Protein backbone atom coordinates (compact mmCIF):
# COMPACT_ATOMS: atom_id res chain seq x y z
CA MET A 1 -13.97 7.44 2.34
CA LYS A 2 -14.78 7.11 -1.34
CA ILE A 3 -12.36 5.44 -3.73
CA LYS A 4 -12.82 5.93 -7.46
CA ILE A 5 -10.77 3.78 -9.81
CA LEU A 6 -10.38 4.64 -13.51
CA THR A 7 -9.58 1.48 -15.42
CA LEU A 8 -9.97 -0.30 -18.74
CA PHE A 9 -10.73 -3.56 -16.93
CA PRO A 10 -13.47 -2.97 -14.34
CA ASN A 11 -14.24 -6.67 -13.94
CA MET A 12 -10.83 -7.20 -12.36
CA PHE A 13 -12.16 -5.51 -9.23
CA ASN A 14 -15.22 -7.70 -8.65
CA GLU A 15 -13.48 -10.21 -6.41
CA PHE A 16 -11.29 -7.60 -4.76
CA ILE A 17 -14.19 -5.55 -3.41
CA GLY A 18 -16.36 -8.60 -2.76
CA GLU A 19 -14.16 -10.52 -0.33
CA SER A 20 -12.67 -10.38 3.15
CA ILE A 21 -11.90 -7.14 5.01
CA ILE A 22 -12.53 -4.97 1.95
CA LYS A 23 -16.08 -6.34 1.58
CA ARG A 24 -16.79 -5.91 5.30
CA ALA A 25 -15.56 -2.31 5.22
CA LYS A 26 -17.75 -1.63 2.18
CA ASP A 27 -20.80 -3.29 3.75
CA LYS A 28 -20.33 -1.25 6.94
CA GLY A 29 -20.19 1.98 4.94
CA ILE A 30 -16.59 2.68 5.91
CA VAL A 31 -15.52 2.83 2.27
CA GLU A 32 -17.41 3.29 -0.99
CA PHE A 33 -16.03 2.16 -4.34
CA GLU A 34 -16.80 3.48 -7.80
CA ILE A 35 -15.13 1.53 -10.60
CA ILE A 36 -15.13 3.61 -13.79
CA ASP A 37 -14.38 2.26 -17.27
CA PHE A 38 -12.70 5.19 -19.00
CA ARG A 39 -13.13 3.47 -22.35
CA LEU A 40 -16.64 4.99 -22.25
CA TRP A 41 -15.07 8.39 -23.01
CA SER A 42 -13.87 7.15 -26.39
CA ASN A 43 -15.99 8.39 -29.30
CA ASP A 44 -14.87 6.16 -32.15
CA LYS A 45 -16.80 3.00 -32.99
CA HIS A 46 -14.01 0.71 -31.82
CA HIS A 47 -13.62 2.59 -28.50
CA HIS A 48 -9.89 3.10 -28.92
CA VAL A 49 -8.19 4.80 -25.97
CA ASP A 50 -4.59 4.74 -27.19
CA ASP A 51 -2.45 5.62 -30.18
CA THR A 52 1.09 5.17 -31.44
CA PRO A 53 3.86 7.30 -29.87
CA CYS A 54 4.78 10.49 -31.68
CA SER A 55 8.09 10.07 -33.55
CA GLY A 56 7.73 6.29 -33.30
CA GLY A 57 8.56 3.69 -30.71
CA ALA A 58 7.24 0.46 -29.26
CA GLY A 59 3.80 0.06 -27.74
CA MET A 60 0.77 2.31 -27.52
CA VAL A 61 0.17 5.44 -25.43
CA LEU A 62 -3.05 6.39 -23.63
CA ARG A 63 -4.60 9.45 -25.25
CA PRO A 64 -5.17 12.68 -23.34
CA ASP A 65 -8.47 13.42 -25.09
CA ILE A 66 -9.89 10.22 -23.56
CA LEU A 67 -8.41 10.11 -20.08
CA ILE A 68 -8.44 13.81 -19.16
CA PRO A 69 -12.21 14.20 -19.76
CA ALA A 70 -12.78 11.01 -17.74
CA ILE A 71 -10.75 12.46 -14.88
CA LYS A 72 -12.57 15.80 -15.02
CA ASP A 73 -16.05 14.28 -15.26
CA ASN A 74 -15.49 12.11 -12.19
CA SER A 75 -13.71 14.62 -9.96
CA CYS A 76 -14.96 17.16 -7.48
CA SER A 77 -13.15 19.77 -5.41
CA ASN A 78 -12.00 17.31 -2.74
CA THR A 79 -10.97 14.45 -5.04
CA TYR A 80 -7.30 13.55 -4.60
CA LYS A 81 -6.20 12.18 -7.97
CA ILE A 82 -3.42 9.57 -8.10
CA LEU A 83 -1.68 8.27 -11.20
CA MET A 84 -0.25 4.76 -10.81
CA THR A 85 3.08 4.80 -12.63
CA PRO A 86 6.58 3.31 -12.20
CA GLN A 87 7.84 6.90 -12.35
CA GLY A 88 5.91 7.95 -9.23
CA ARG A 89 7.14 8.29 -5.66
CA LEU A 90 7.79 4.93 -4.03
CA TYR A 91 4.87 3.82 -1.91
CA LYS A 92 5.53 3.59 1.83
CA GLN A 93 3.43 3.08 4.96
CA ASN A 94 3.54 6.79 5.78
CA ILE A 95 1.92 7.53 2.40
CA ALA A 96 -0.85 5.04 3.20
CA GLU A 97 -1.40 6.93 6.47
CA GLU A 98 -1.49 10.21 4.58
CA LEU A 99 -4.01 8.94 2.02
CA SER A 100 -6.25 7.33 4.65
CA LYS A 101 -7.11 10.83 5.87
CA LYS A 102 -8.53 11.90 2.49
CA ASP A 103 -12.29 12.03 1.95
CA GLU A 104 -12.13 10.92 -1.67
CA ILE A 105 -9.33 9.56 -3.81
CA MET A 106 -9.23 8.68 -7.48
CA ILE A 107 -6.74 6.06 -8.65
CA ILE A 108 -5.94 6.10 -12.37
CA CYS A 109 -4.72 2.81 -13.83
CA GLY A 110 -2.38 2.97 -16.76
CA HIS A 111 -1.96 0.35 -19.45
CA TYR A 112 0.00 -0.27 -22.63
CA GLU A 113 3.23 1.73 -23.04
CA GLY A 114 2.16 4.57 -20.75
CA PHE A 115 0.36 7.92 -20.55
CA ASP A 116 0.50 10.94 -22.77
CA GLU A 117 2.68 13.30 -20.72
CA ARG A 118 -0.02 16.00 -20.66
CA ILE A 119 -2.22 13.80 -18.46
CA ARG A 120 0.17 14.39 -15.58
CA ASP A 121 -1.02 17.99 -15.33
CA TYR A 122 -4.45 16.79 -14.21
CA VAL A 123 -3.46 14.68 -11.21
CA ASP A 124 -2.31 15.50 -7.67
CA ASP A 125 0.11 12.65 -7.12
CA GLU A 126 2.04 9.90 -8.90
CA ILE A 127 2.76 6.67 -7.03
CA SER A 128 4.76 3.52 -7.73
CA ILE A 129 4.46 0.37 -5.61
CA GLY A 130 7.96 -0.80 -6.52
CA ASP A 131 10.85 -0.76 -8.92
CA TYR A 132 9.29 -3.09 -11.47
CA VAL A 133 6.75 -2.80 -14.27
CA LEU A 134 3.27 -4.37 -14.40
CA THR A 135 1.06 -4.77 -17.46
CA GLY A 136 -1.34 -2.25 -15.97
CA GLY A 137 -2.14 -0.25 -12.88
CA GLU A 138 -5.05 -2.41 -11.70
CA LEU A 139 -3.08 -4.64 -9.32
CA ALA A 140 -1.17 -1.63 -8.02
CA SER A 141 -4.44 0.21 -7.36
CA MET A 142 -5.68 -2.77 -5.34
CA VAL A 143 -2.50 -2.71 -3.26
CA LEU A 144 -3.00 0.98 -2.63
CA SER A 145 -6.68 0.56 -1.73
CA ASP A 146 -6.08 -2.38 0.60
CA SER A 147 -3.30 -0.63 2.52
CA ILE A 148 -5.45 2.49 2.94
CA ILE A 149 -8.73 0.80 3.90
CA ARG A 150 -7.22 -1.24 6.72
CA LEU A 151 -6.20 2.06 8.37
CA LEU A 152 -9.72 3.49 8.34
CA ASN A 153 -11.61 3.63 11.63
CA ASP A 154 -13.40 0.34 12.39
CA ALA A 155 -12.17 -1.42 9.24
CA ILE A 156 -10.06 -3.62 11.52
CA LYS A 157 -9.21 -3.35 15.20
CA LYS A 158 -6.87 -0.42 15.74
CA GLU A 159 -4.38 -2.55 17.65
CA SER A 160 -4.21 -4.92 14.68
CA HIS A 161 -2.35 -2.37 12.57
CA GLU A 162 -0.59 -0.25 15.19
CA ASP A 163 2.25 -2.79 15.49
CA ASP A 164 2.44 -3.68 11.79
CA SER A 165 5.76 -3.74 9.99
CA PHE A 166 6.80 -0.20 8.98
CA GLN A 167 4.20 1.39 11.29
CA ASN A 168 6.95 2.57 13.65
CA GLY A 169 9.78 2.33 11.15
CA LEU A 170 10.64 -1.25 12.14
CA LEU A 171 9.68 -4.70 10.94
CA GLU A 172 7.06 -6.41 13.07
CA TYR A 173 8.14 -8.65 15.93
CA PRO A 174 7.69 -12.46 15.63
CA GLN A 175 4.20 -13.82 16.23
CA TYR A 176 3.23 -17.16 17.76
CA THR A 177 0.05 -19.12 18.45
CA ARG A 178 -0.97 -22.58 19.73
CA PRO A 179 0.29 -25.24 20.09
CA ILE A 180 2.91 -23.99 22.54
CA GLU A 181 5.32 -26.70 21.39
CA TYR A 182 5.47 -28.14 17.88
CA ASP A 183 8.13 -30.28 16.24
CA GLY A 184 10.52 -29.45 19.05
CA LYS A 185 10.07 -25.69 18.68
CA VAL A 186 8.61 -23.81 21.64
CA VAL A 187 6.92 -20.42 21.99
CA PRO A 188 9.25 -18.01 23.89
CA SER A 189 8.42 -18.20 27.58
CA VAL A 190 8.21 -14.40 27.92
CA LEU A 191 5.02 -14.47 25.86
CA LEU A 192 3.40 -16.86 28.33
CA ASN A 193 4.15 -15.19 31.67
CA GLY A 194 1.50 -12.45 31.44
CA ASN A 195 3.97 -9.67 32.29
CA HIS A 196 2.98 -6.94 29.83
CA LYS A 197 6.07 -4.85 30.51
CA ASP A 198 8.37 -7.78 29.68
CA ILE A 199 6.32 -8.66 26.61
CA ARG A 200 6.42 -5.09 25.26
CA ARG A 201 10.20 -4.93 25.76
CA TRP A 202 10.71 -8.35 24.11
CA ARG A 203 8.62 -7.32 21.12
CA LEU A 204 10.57 -4.10 20.64
CA LYS A 205 13.86 -5.96 20.94
CA GLU A 206 12.83 -8.59 18.40
CA SER A 207 11.56 -5.89 16.02
CA LEU A 208 14.97 -4.26 16.19
CA ARG A 209 16.71 -7.62 15.73
CA LYS A 210 14.62 -8.54 12.68
CA THR A 211 15.04 -5.12 11.11
CA LEU A 212 18.79 -5.20 11.61
CA LYS A 213 18.96 -8.59 9.93
CA ARG A 214 16.51 -8.15 7.06
CA ARG A 215 16.10 -4.43 6.38
CA PRO A 216 19.01 -2.48 7.89
CA ASP A 217 18.25 0.32 5.43
CA LEU A 218 15.18 1.16 7.51
CA LEU A 219 17.44 2.10 10.41
CA THR A 220 19.42 4.69 8.46
CA ASN A 221 19.03 8.07 10.16
CA ARG A 222 16.67 6.58 12.77
CA LYS A 223 16.55 8.54 16.03
CA TYR A 224 16.81 5.81 18.64
CA THR A 225 15.25 6.05 22.07
CA LYS A 226 17.35 5.28 25.14
CA GLU A 227 15.58 1.94 25.48
CA GLU A 228 16.23 1.04 21.85
CA LEU A 229 19.96 1.77 22.25
CA GLU A 230 20.05 -0.49 25.32
CA LEU A 231 18.30 -3.26 23.40
CA LEU A 232 20.69 -2.89 20.46
CA ASP A 233 23.59 -3.37 22.87
CA GLU A 234 21.92 -6.52 24.22
CA ILE A 235 21.40 -7.84 20.70
CA LYS A 236 25.06 -7.21 19.83
CA GLU A 237 26.25 -8.97 23.01
CA GLU A 238 24.01 -11.96 22.27
CA GLU A 239 25.24 -12.23 18.70
CA ASP A 240 28.89 -11.85 19.76
CA GLY A 241 28.34 -14.65 22.25
CA GLU A 242 27.10 -16.95 19.51
CA LYS A 243 30.23 -16.51 17.39
């Protein structure tokens, strides 16, 4: 996969693409980055990329005669162009899965007050990472890139992301490691008995329990399996017994 990022602050990405899993994926040829400073498409001597809003208002707006040529000059027929904006569709794990199947994506980072509305006609998608506003799209583009890259073949072990939170619509089950006992708290015995059937069932049950407690909205309209319904009944009985 190739990821192109249009930004006014290319140096912000140096550490991001030079560390950890992202660096390893890049070094292995799994992903290729191209960080593009779209200020280079400005023709005036001060390299301005923005201007005041028509009819007045606070802030500055990114100009279409700068950003649209930058988008066109760095796109090809299979480039999937994404505008990072608070007005975009809310980013979810299923969108990360969808984007991980693209050959080439372009992520366009906004800044200042926003984009000239005409720029929207030159992109394929608009994405928001949450209901809040950042000073620019750079951090959001890193979030997007990270969540996509870890899904690419051989970026990490497949089993490392198959049970992630949101992967199956539930939060991830609790994880434990050594020491088995610490400060009076002990790893659940089911995780130590080597019975894979029991472990799988425990993990599903605890995923359901955690989701019910922390993100019940994720369960709205969920089509439960027979096993999940049985586990939900067990959870309810356990909680009723604690009251």
